[in-house]
Amino acid sequence: MVDVSLAIVFGLAAMVAYGLSIAISQAPVKSIGPIKTTFFRNIFASVLLLAVLPFFITASFKAIKLF
C-alpha cells in the first residue's frame, strides 16, 4: 500500500514540475529561442544530476552491503 501511495505522490509531483517547466521556459524561448533554451536547460539538468549522483551510488552500495 505504501508503494502505491508513494507512486501517486511522485506522479503528482512530476505533473506539477512539468507544468512549472513549461510556464518558466516561456520567457527564455521568446528572448533567446527554443534551441538555446533547450541547450541551457539540459546543461543545468546534467550538472544537477551529476552533483546528486554520488549520493545515490553510495546509498545503493550500502543497501546491497558491498562496502
C-alpha atoms as a PDB file:
ATOM      1  CA  MET A   1       0.000   0.000   0.000  1.00  0.00           C
ATOM      2  CA  VAL A   2       2.862   2.344   0.768  1.00  0.00           C
ATOM      3  CA  ASP A   3       4.296   1.812  -2.703  1.00  0.00           C
ATOM      4  CA  VAL A   4       1.040   2.842  -4.339  1.00  0.00           C
ATOM      5  CA  SER A   5       0.749   5.978  -2.204  1.00  0.00           C
ATOM      6  CA  LEU A   6       4.350   6.905  -2.925  1.00  0.00           C
ATOM      7  CA  ALA A   7       3.799   6.346  -6.643  1.00  0.00           C
ATOM      8  CA  ILE A   8       0.787   8.659  -6.598  1.00  0.00           C
ATOM      9  CA  VAL A   9       2.738  11.369  -4.753  1.00  0.00           C
ATOM     10  CA  PHE A  10       5.652  11.173  -7.185  1.00  0.00           C
ATOM     11  CA  GLY A  11       3.265  11.158 -10.149  1.00  0.00           C
ATOM     12  CA  LEU A  12       1.591  14.324  -8.910  1.00  0.00           C
ATOM     13  CA  ALA A  13       4.984  15.929  -8.228  1.00  0.00           C
ATOM     14  CA  ALA A  14       6.086  15.109 -11.777  1.00  0.00           C
ATOM     15  CA  MET A  15       2.945  16.689 -13.224  1.00  0.00           C
ATOM     16  CA  VAL A  16       3.448  19.866 -11.204  1.00  0.00           C
ATOM     17  CA  ALA A  17       7.126  20.048 -12.165  1.00  0.00           C
ATOM     18  CA  TYR A  18       6.280  19.572 -15.842  1.00  0.00           C
ATOM     19  CA  GLY A  19       3.719  22.376 -15.713  1.00  0.00           C
ATOM     20  CA  LEU A  20       6.164  24.699 -13.965  1.00  0.00           C
ATOM     21  CA  SER A  21       8.826  23.847 -16.521  1.00  0.00           C
ATOM     22  CA  ILE A  22       6.574  24.893 -19.374  1.00  0.00           C
ATOM     23  CA  ALA A  23       5.500  28.083 -17.597  1.00  0.00           C
ATOM     24  CA  ILE A  24       9.047  29.101 -16.659  1.00  0.00           C
ATOM     25  CA  SER A  25      10.522  28.350 -20.093  1.00  0.00           C
ATOM     26  CA  GLN A  26       8.207  30.722 -21.985  1.00  0.00           C
ATOM     27  CA  ALA A  27      10.280  33.866 -21.328  1.00  0.00           C
ATOM     28  CA  PRO A  28      13.671  32.423 -22.413  1.00  0.00           C
ATOM     29  CA  VAL A  29      12.124  30.847 -25.506  1.00  0.00           C
ATOM     30  CA  LYS A  30      10.791  34.213 -26.601  1.00  0.00           C
ATOM     31  CA  SER A  31      14.071  36.030 -25.922  1.00  0.00           C
ATOM     32  CA  ILE A  32      16.842  33.597 -26.990  1.00  0.00           C
ATOM     33  CA  GLY A  33      14.965  30.950 -28.971  1.00  0.00           C
ATOM     34  CA  PRO A  34      13.932  27.373 -28.340  1.00  0.00           C
ATOM     35  CA  ILE A  35      17.211  25.694 -29.305  1.00  0.00           C
ATOM     36  CA  LYS A  36      19.384  27.737 -26.943  1.00  0.00           C
ATOM     37  CA  THR A  37      16.800  27.393 -24.184  1.00  0.00           C
ATOM     38  CA  THR A  38      16.806  23.614 -24.571  1.00  0.00           C
ATOM     39  CA  PHE A  39      20.608  23.551 -24.606  1.00  0.00           C
ATOM     40  CA  PHE A  40      20.980  25.552 -21.391  1.00  0.00           C
ATOM     41  CA  ARG A  41      18.171  23.609 -19.680  1.00  0.00           C
ATOM     42  CA  ASN A  42      19.903  20.328 -20.489  1.00  0.00           C
ATOM     43  CA  ILE A  43      23.286  21.617 -19.291  1.00  0.00           C
ATOM     44  CA  PHE A  44      21.694  22.680 -15.987  1.00  0.00           C
ATOM     45  CA  ALA A  45      19.931  19.322 -15.583  1.00  0.00           C
ATOM     46  CA  SER A  46      23.136  17.397 -16.347  1.00  0.00           C
ATOM     47  CA  VAL A  47      25.147  19.335 -13.775  1.00  0.00           C
ATOM     48  CA  LEU A  48      22.411  18.874 -11.185  1.00  0.00           C
ATOM     49  CA  LEU A  49      22.191  15.131 -11.805  1.00  0.00           C
ATOM     50  CA  LEU A  50      25.972  14.708 -11.706  1.00  0.00           C
ATOM     51  CA  ALA A  51      26.085  16.567  -8.385  1.00  0.00           C
ATOM     52  CA  VAL A  52      23.415  14.312  -6.836  1.00  0.00           C
ATOM     53  CA  LEU A  53      24.558  11.011  -8.383  1.00  0.00           C
ATOM     54  CA  PRO A  54      27.343  10.192  -5.853  1.00  0.00           C
ATOM     55  CA  PHE A  55      24.823  10.201  -3.000  1.00  0.00           C
ATOM     56  CA  PHE A  56      22.642   7.647  -4.758  1.00  0.00           C
ATOM     57  CA  ILE A  57      25.589   5.437  -5.687  1.00  0.00           C
ATOM     58  CA  THR A  58      26.847   5.233  -2.098  1.00  0.00           C
ATOM     59  CA  ALA A  59      23.316   4.617  -0.827  1.00  0.00           C
ATOM     60  CA  SER A  60      22.818   1.769  -3.294  1.00  0.00           C
ATOM     61  CA  PHE A  61      26.130   0.158  -2.306  1.00  0.00           C
ATOM     62  CA  LYS A  62      25.151   0.366   1.351  1.00  0.00           C
ATOM     63  CA  ALA A  63      21.778  -1.162   0.575  1.00  0.00           C
ATOM     64  CA  ILE A  64      23.339  -4.211  -1.091  1.00  0.00           C
ATOM     65  CA  LYS A  65      26.158  -4.300   1.518  1.00  0.00           C
ATOM     66  CA  LEU A  66      29.116  -4.358  -0.862  1.00  0.00           C
ATOM     67  CA  PHE A  67      31.141  -1.919   1.243  1.00  0.00           C
END
